[in-house]
Amino acid sequence: MYDAHGRQRGPITRVGGAVVLGYDPLRLGENVAEQPAARETGVTVYGVPDDPSTVGVLAWLQEHGVPATLVDVTQRPLTAAELWALLELPGQNVRVPYTIVDDAVVLGNDRARLTATLAERGYHHPHPGD
């Protein structure tokens, strides 16, 4: 989802009241089926135009007749409030676990990204057995 500098690369797709992280055709299909109005109102994809995952999401949506608006996060990055609005289930909890390390957000259980982010910011210490 993010590059080595903490910038968003992979897409976050808003399908009505649902959110799909990355290129996940199964979840895209489930959410479009559960919210058929998305075929009329369209969806919003927050991503990077040349990112393969973003390209995959846009191609899947086009193939399935779902209009999409791409918000290029290199030109208009999501604010912390916008990201929270995408991740939060109103009145409940978050849609997906996330970890904030200083100025970086690591979505989901992305251990490689979390380890790299911690190391970049000086928080990672090797395991005694390593």
N, C-alpha and C. Protein backbone atom coordinates (compact mmCIF):
# COMPACT_ATOMS: atom_id res chain seq x y z
N MET A 1 0.81 -1.20 0.00
CA MET A 1 0.00 0.00 0.00
C MET A 1 0.86 1.27 0.00
N TYR A 2 2.03 1.22 0.61
CA TYR A 2 2.87 2.41 0.73
C TYR A 2 4.27 2.11 0.27
N ASP A 3 4.96 3.16 -0.24
CA ASP A 3 6.34 2.96 -0.68
C ASP A 3 7.28 3.13 0.52
N ALA A 4 8.57 3.04 0.26
CA ALA A 4 9.56 3.10 1.34
C ALA A 4 9.57 4.44 2.07
N HIS A 5 8.97 5.45 1.47
CA HIS A 5 8.93 6.78 2.10
C HIS A 5 7.60 7.07 2.78
N GLY A 6 6.76 6.06 2.86
CA GLY A 6 5.47 6.23 3.54
C GLY A 6 4.38 6.84 2.69
N ARG A 7 4.64 6.99 1.38
CA ARG A 7 3.62 7.55 0.50
C ARG A 7 2.72 6.44 0.00
N GLN A 8 1.44 6.73 -0.08
CA GLN A 8 0.48 5.73 -0.56
C GLN A 8 0.76 5.41 -2.01
N ARG A 9 0.77 4.12 -2.33
CA ARG A 9 0.90 3.67 -3.71
C ARG A 9 -0.34 2.88 -4.12
N GLY A 10 -0.65 1.84 -3.34
CA GLY A 10 -1.76 0.96 -3.67
C GLY A 10 -3.09 1.65 -3.44
N PRO A 11 -4.12 1.18 -4.11
CA PRO A 11 -5.41 1.86 -4.08
C PRO A 11 -6.24 1.54 -2.82
N ILE A 12 -7.05 2.50 -2.46
CA ILE A 12 -8.12 2.35 -1.49
C ILE A 12 -9.38 2.74 -2.25
N THR A 13 -10.34 1.82 -2.36
CA THR A 13 -11.53 2.06 -3.18
C THR A 13 -12.75 2.16 -2.29
N ARG A 14 -13.47 3.28 -2.43
CA ARG A 14 -14.72 3.50 -1.70
C ARG A 14 -15.86 3.04 -2.59
N VAL A 15 -16.57 2.01 -2.12
CA VAL A 15 -17.74 1.47 -2.84
C VAL A 15 -18.94 1.72 -1.93
N GLY A 16 -19.64 2.83 -2.15
CA GLY A 16 -20.74 3.19 -1.25
C GLY A 16 -20.22 3.34 0.16
N GLY A 17 -20.76 2.56 1.09
CA GLY A 17 -20.31 2.62 2.48
C GLY A 17 -19.18 1.67 2.80
N ALA A 18 -18.68 0.95 1.80
CA ALA A 18 -17.61 -0.03 2.02
C ALA A 18 -16.29 0.48 1.47
N VAL A 19 -15.22 -0.17 1.90
CA VAL A 19 -13.88 0.18 1.44
C VAL A 19 -13.14 -1.11 1.10
N VAL A 20 -12.42 -1.08 -0.04
CA VAL A 20 -11.60 -2.22 -0.45
C VAL A 20 -10.16 -1.72 -0.50
N LEU A 21 -9.28 -2.43 0.20
CA LEU A 21 -7.86 -2.07 0.23
C LEU A 21 -7.10 -2.87 -0.81
N GLY A 22 -6.27 -2.16 -1.59
CA GLY A 22 -5.47 -2.82 -2.60
C GLY A 22 -6.30 -3.34 -3.75
N TYR A 23 -5.67 -4.19 -4.57
CA TYR A 23 -6.36 -4.81 -5.70
C TYR A 23 -6.88 -6.16 -5.24
N ASP A 24 -8.15 -6.20 -4.91
CA ASP A 24 -8.79 -7.39 -4.37
C ASP A 24 -10.09 -7.63 -5.13
N PRO A 25 -10.00 -8.33 -6.29
CA PRO A 25 -11.21 -8.54 -7.11
C PRO A 25 -12.35 -9.21 -6.35
N LEU A 26 -12.02 -10.11 -5.45
CA LEU A 26 -13.07 -10.80 -4.68
C LEU A 26 -13.86 -9.79 -3.85
N ARG A 27 -13.17 -8.94 -3.12
CA ARG A 27 -13.86 -7.93 -2.28
C ARG A 27 -14.56 -6.88 -3.13
N LEU A 28 -13.95 -6.51 -4.25
CA LEU A 28 -14.62 -5.56 -5.15
C LEU A 28 -15.95 -6.14 -5.61
N GLY A 29 -15.91 -7.40 -6.05
CA GLY A 29 -17.13 -8.05 -6.52
C GLY A 29 -18.19 -8.16 -5.44
N GLU A 30 -17.77 -8.55 -4.23
CA GLU A 30 -18.71 -8.67 -3.12
C GLU A 30 -19.36 -7.33 -2.80
N ASN A 31 -18.56 -6.28 -2.75
CA ASN A 31 -19.09 -4.97 -2.39
C ASN A 31 -19.98 -4.38 -3.46
N VAL A 32 -19.64 -4.58 -4.71
CA VAL A 32 -20.50 -4.10 -5.80
C VAL A 32 -21.82 -4.87 -5.78
N ALA A 33 -21.76 -6.18 -5.53
CA ALA A 33 -22.99 -6.99 -5.47
C ALA A 33 -23.88 -6.56 -4.30
N GLU A 34 -23.26 -6.24 -3.17
CA GLU A 34 -24.02 -5.82 -1.99
C GLU A 34 -24.56 -4.40 -2.12
N GLN A 35 -23.95 -3.62 -3.00
CA GLN A 35 -24.36 -2.22 -3.18
C GLN A 35 -24.54 -1.95 -4.67
N PRO A 36 -25.60 -2.48 -5.26
CA PRO A 36 -25.80 -2.35 -6.70
C PRO A 36 -25.89 -0.90 -7.19
N ALA A 37 -26.24 0.01 -6.29
CA ALA A 37 -26.30 1.42 -6.69
C ALA A 37 -24.94 1.94 -7.15
N ALA A 38 -23.87 1.27 -6.75
CA ALA A 38 -22.52 1.68 -7.16
C ALA A 38 -22.37 1.64 -8.68
N ARG A 39 -23.17 0.78 -9.35
CA ARG A 39 -23.11 0.73 -10.81
C ARG A 39 -23.66 2.01 -11.45
N GLU A 40 -24.48 2.73 -10.69
CA GLU A 40 -25.04 4.00 -11.18
C GLU A 40 -24.25 5.20 -10.66
N THR A 41 -23.98 5.19 -9.35
CA THR A 41 -23.31 6.33 -8.72
C THR A 41 -21.80 6.32 -8.89
N GLY A 42 -21.24 5.13 -9.13
CA GLY A 42 -19.80 5.01 -9.29
C GLY A 42 -19.08 4.85 -7.97
N VAL A 43 -17.78 4.64 -8.07
CA VAL A 43 -16.93 4.47 -6.90
C VAL A 43 -15.76 5.44 -7.00
N THR A 44 -15.07 5.62 -5.88
CA THR A 44 -13.89 6.47 -5.86
C THR A 44 -12.68 5.61 -5.53
N VAL A 45 -11.65 5.73 -6.35
CA VAL A 45 -10.40 5.00 -6.14
C VAL A 45 -9.33 6.02 -5.79
N TYR A 46 -8.76 5.87 -4.60
CA TYR A 46 -7.65 6.72 -4.16
C TYR A 46 -6.38 5.93 -4.43
N GLY A 47 -5.61 6.36 -5.42
CA GLY A 47 -4.42 5.61 -5.79
C GLY A 47 -3.49 6.43 -6.66
N VAL A 48 -2.56 5.74 -7.30
CA VAL A 48 -1.55 6.35 -8.15
C VAL A 48 -1.74 5.80 -9.56
N PRO A 49 -1.88 6.68 -10.56
CA PRO A 49 -2.22 6.23 -11.91
C PRO A 49 -1.32 5.15 -12.49
N ASP A 50 -0.01 5.16 -12.17
CA ASP A 50 0.90 4.17 -12.76
C ASP A 50 1.16 2.97 -11.85
N ASP A 51 0.46 2.89 -10.72
CA ASP A 51 0.62 1.76 -9.82
C ASP A 51 -0.13 0.56 -10.38
N PRO A 52 0.50 -0.62 -10.49
CA PRO A 52 -0.17 -1.79 -11.05
C PRO A 52 -1.45 -2.17 -10.31
N SER A 53 -1.49 -2.02 -9.00
CA SER A 53 -2.70 -2.36 -8.24
C SER A 53 -3.83 -1.40 -8.58
N THR A 54 -3.52 -0.12 -8.69
CA THR A 54 -4.53 0.87 -9.04
C THR A 54 -5.04 0.60 -10.46
N VAL A 55 -4.13 0.33 -11.37
CA VAL A 55 -4.51 0.01 -12.75
C VAL A 55 -5.41 -1.22 -12.77
N GLY A 56 -5.09 -2.23 -11.95
CA GLY A 56 -5.90 -3.44 -11.88
C GLY A 56 -7.31 -3.16 -11.37
N VAL A 57 -7.43 -2.32 -10.33
CA VAL A 57 -8.75 -1.97 -9.80
C VAL A 57 -9.56 -1.24 -10.86
N LEU A 58 -8.96 -0.25 -11.51
CA LEU A 58 -9.68 0.52 -12.52
C LEU A 58 -10.12 -0.37 -13.69
N ALA A 59 -9.25 -1.29 -14.10
CA ALA A 59 -9.60 -2.21 -15.19
C ALA A 59 -10.74 -3.14 -14.77
N TRP A 60 -10.70 -3.66 -13.53
CA TRP A 60 -11.76 -4.54 -13.04
C TRP A 60 -13.09 -3.79 -13.02
N LEU A 61 -13.07 -2.57 -12.51
CA LEU A 61 -14.30 -1.78 -12.44
C LEU A 61 -14.86 -1.52 -13.84
N GLN A 62 -14.00 -1.14 -14.78
CA GLN A 62 -14.45 -0.89 -16.14
C GLN A 62 -15.03 -2.16 -16.76
N GLU A 63 -14.35 -3.29 -16.57
CA GLU A 63 -14.80 -4.57 -17.12
C GLU A 63 -16.18 -4.96 -16.57
N HIS A 64 -16.47 -4.54 -15.34
CA HIS A 64 -17.75 -4.89 -14.71
C HIS A 64 -18.77 -3.76 -14.75
N GLY A 65 -18.51 -2.74 -15.58
CA GLY A 65 -19.47 -1.67 -15.80
C GLY A 65 -19.71 -0.77 -14.61
N VAL A 66 -18.68 -0.58 -13.79
CA VAL A 66 -18.81 0.29 -12.62
C VAL A 66 -18.00 1.56 -12.89
N PRO A 67 -18.69 2.73 -12.97
CA PRO A 67 -17.95 3.98 -13.19
C PRO A 67 -17.04 4.28 -12.00
N ALA A 68 -15.85 4.78 -12.31
CA ALA A 68 -14.88 5.06 -11.25
C ALA A 68 -14.25 6.44 -11.44
N THR A 69 -14.02 7.08 -10.32
CA THR A 69 -13.27 8.33 -10.29
C THR A 69 -11.96 8.06 -9.59
N LEU A 70 -10.85 8.36 -10.25
CA LEU A 70 -9.53 8.18 -9.64
C LEU A 70 -9.11 9.49 -8.98
N VAL A 71 -8.77 9.42 -7.72
CA VAL A 71 -8.15 10.54 -7.02
C VAL A 71 -6.67 10.20 -6.91
N ASP A 72 -5.84 10.94 -7.64
CA ASP A 72 -4.40 10.70 -7.68
C ASP A 72 -3.78 11.21 -6.38
N VAL A 73 -3.37 10.29 -5.51
CA VAL A 73 -2.85 10.68 -4.20
C VAL A 73 -1.46 11.28 -4.27
N THR A 74 -0.81 11.24 -5.45
CA THR A 74 0.45 11.96 -5.58
C THR A 74 0.18 13.45 -5.76
N GLN A 75 -0.99 13.77 -6.31
CA GLN A 75 -1.39 15.17 -6.49
C GLN A 75 -2.23 15.68 -5.33
N ARG A 76 -3.01 14.79 -4.74
CA ARG A 76 -3.89 15.16 -3.62
C ARG A 76 -3.89 14.03 -2.59
N PRO A 77 -2.84 14.00 -1.73
CA PRO A 77 -2.77 12.94 -0.73
C PRO A 77 -3.95 13.01 0.24
N LEU A 78 -4.34 11.85 0.75
CA LEU A 78 -5.39 11.81 1.76
C LEU A 78 -4.88 12.45 3.05
N THR A 79 -5.72 13.26 3.64
CA THR A 79 -5.37 13.81 4.95
C THR A 79 -5.61 12.73 6.00
N ALA A 80 -5.11 12.96 7.20
CA ALA A 80 -5.34 11.99 8.28
C ALA A 80 -6.83 11.82 8.52
N ALA A 81 -7.59 12.91 8.47
CA ALA A 81 -9.03 12.84 8.70
C ALA A 81 -9.73 12.04 7.59
N GLU A 82 -9.30 12.23 6.34
CA GLU A 82 -9.90 11.49 5.22
C GLU A 82 -9.57 10.00 5.33
N LEU A 83 -8.33 9.69 5.70
CA LEU A 83 -7.95 8.30 5.85
C LEU A 83 -8.76 7.66 6.98
N TRP A 84 -8.90 8.37 8.09
CA TRP A 84 -9.68 7.84 9.21
C TRP A 84 -11.13 7.61 8.78
N ALA A 85 -11.70 8.53 8.02
CA ALA A 85 -13.08 8.38 7.56
C ALA A 85 -13.24 7.13 6.69
N LEU A 86 -12.21 6.77 5.94
CA LEU A 86 -12.26 5.56 5.12
C LEU A 86 -12.12 4.29 5.97
N LEU A 87 -11.32 4.38 7.02
CA LEU A 87 -11.03 3.20 7.83
C LEU A 87 -12.03 2.96 8.95
N GLU A 88 -12.73 4.00 9.37
CA GLU A 88 -13.62 3.89 10.51
C GLU A 88 -14.99 3.32 10.13
N LEU A 89 -15.52 2.47 10.98
CA LEU A 89 -16.92 2.06 10.88
C LEU A 89 -17.66 2.93 11.88
N PRO A 90 -18.48 3.87 11.43
CA PRO A 90 -19.11 4.84 12.34
C PRO A 90 -19.77 4.17 13.55
N GLY A 91 -19.40 4.66 14.73
CA GLY A 91 -19.99 4.16 15.96
C GLY A 91 -19.50 2.79 16.37
N GLN A 92 -18.54 2.24 15.64
CA GLN A 92 -18.05 0.90 15.97
C GLN A 92 -16.55 0.93 16.16
N ASN A 93 -15.84 0.47 15.20
CA ASN A 93 -14.40 0.35 15.30
C ASN A 93 -13.81 0.62 13.93
N VAL A 94 -12.61 0.18 13.70
CA VAL A 94 -11.98 0.39 12.41
C VAL A 94 -12.24 -0.80 11.49
N ARG A 95 -12.23 -0.55 10.19
CA ARG A 95 -12.46 -1.59 9.19
C ARG A 95 -11.29 -2.57 9.12
N VAL A 96 -10.12 -2.05 9.32
CA VAL A 96 -8.91 -2.84 9.15
C VAL A 96 -7.90 -2.37 10.19
N PRO A 97 -7.12 -3.28 10.73
CA PRO A 97 -6.11 -2.82 11.67
C PRO A 97 -5.09 -1.94 10.96
N TYR A 98 -4.59 -0.99 11.68
CA TYR A 98 -3.54 -0.14 11.13
C TYR A 98 -2.62 0.27 12.26
N THR A 99 -1.40 0.60 11.90
CA THR A 99 -0.40 1.02 12.86
C THR A 99 0.15 2.36 12.40
N ILE A 100 0.22 3.33 13.31
CA ILE A 100 0.82 4.63 13.00
C ILE A 100 2.19 4.66 13.65
N VAL A 101 3.21 4.87 12.84
CA VAL A 101 4.59 4.98 13.32
C VAL A 101 5.07 6.37 12.91
N ASP A 102 5.11 7.26 13.89
CA ASP A 102 5.45 8.66 13.63
C ASP A 102 4.50 9.21 12.56
N ASP A 103 5.02 9.43 11.34
CA ASP A 103 4.21 10.04 10.28
C ASP A 103 3.72 9.02 9.25
N ALA A 104 3.96 7.73 9.49
CA ALA A 104 3.59 6.70 8.52
C ALA A 104 2.44 5.86 9.04
N VAL A 105 1.59 5.42 8.11
CA VAL A 105 0.49 4.53 8.44
C VAL A 105 0.73 3.22 7.70
N VAL A 106 0.66 2.11 8.45
CA VAL A 106 0.78 0.78 7.86
C VAL A 106 -0.57 0.11 8.00
N LEU A 107 -1.19 -0.20 6.87
CA LEU A 107 -2.53 -0.79 6.88
C LEU A 107 -2.45 -2.31 6.91
N GLY A 108 -3.37 -2.90 7.66
CA GLY A 108 -3.48 -4.35 7.72
C GLY A 108 -2.32 -5.00 8.43
N ASN A 109 -2.19 -6.29 8.23
CA ASN A 109 -1.13 -7.08 8.85
C ASN A 109 0.02 -7.23 7.88
N ASP A 110 0.60 -6.10 7.47
CA ASP A 110 1.70 -6.07 6.52
C ASP A 110 3.00 -6.05 7.32
N ARG A 111 3.45 -7.23 7.72
CA ARG A 111 4.62 -7.32 8.60
C ARG A 111 5.88 -6.77 7.95
N ALA A 112 6.06 -7.03 6.67
CA ALA A 112 7.25 -6.52 5.99
C ALA A 112 7.27 -5.00 6.00
N ARG A 113 6.13 -4.39 5.69
CA ARG A 113 6.05 -2.92 5.68
C ARG A 113 6.22 -2.36 7.09
N LEU A 114 5.62 -3.01 8.09
CA LEU A 114 5.75 -2.55 9.47
C LEU A 114 7.20 -2.65 9.93
N THR A 115 7.85 -3.76 9.64
CA THR A 115 9.26 -3.93 10.03
C THR A 115 10.13 -2.86 9.36
N ALA A 116 9.90 -2.63 8.07
CA ALA A 116 10.68 -1.62 7.35
C ALA A 116 10.42 -0.22 7.91
N THR A 117 9.17 0.09 8.21
CA THR A 117 8.82 1.41 8.74
C THR A 117 9.46 1.62 10.10
N LEU A 118 9.40 0.63 10.95
CA LEU A 118 10.03 0.73 12.27
C LEU A 118 11.54 0.94 12.13
N ALA A 119 12.17 0.17 11.25
CA ALA A 119 13.62 0.28 11.05
C ALA A 119 14.00 1.65 10.51
N GLU A 120 13.21 2.16 9.53
CA GLU A 120 13.50 3.48 8.95
C GLU A 120 13.47 4.59 9.99
N ARG A 121 12.64 4.40 11.01
CA ARG A 121 12.47 5.43 12.03
C ARG A 121 13.25 5.12 13.30
N GLY A 122 14.10 4.11 13.25
CA GLY A 122 15.00 3.81 14.35
C GLY A 122 14.37 3.06 15.51
N TYR A 123 13.20 2.46 15.31
CA TYR A 123 12.53 1.74 16.40
C TYR A 123 12.84 0.26 16.41
N HIS A 124 13.34 -0.27 15.33
CA HIS A 124 13.51 -1.72 15.21
C HIS A 124 14.87 -2.14 15.77
N HIS A 125 14.82 -3.10 16.65
CA HIS A 125 16.05 -3.70 17.16
C HIS A 125 16.00 -5.17 16.79
N PRO A 126 17.10 -5.71 16.30
CA PRO A 126 17.08 -7.12 15.90
C PRO A 126 16.71 -8.03 17.07
N HIS A 127 16.03 -9.09 16.73
CA HIS A 127 15.68 -10.10 17.73
C HIS A 127 16.99 -10.69 18.26
N PRO A 128 17.08 -10.96 19.58
CA PRO A 128 18.34 -11.49 20.13
C PRO A 128 18.86 -12.72 19.41
N GLY A 129 17.99 -13.52 18.81
CA GLY A 129 18.41 -14.72 18.11
C GLY A 129 18.89 -14.47 16.69
N ASP A 130 18.73 -13.23 16.20
CA ASP A 130 19.10 -12.92 14.80
C ASP A 130 20.57 -12.57 14.68
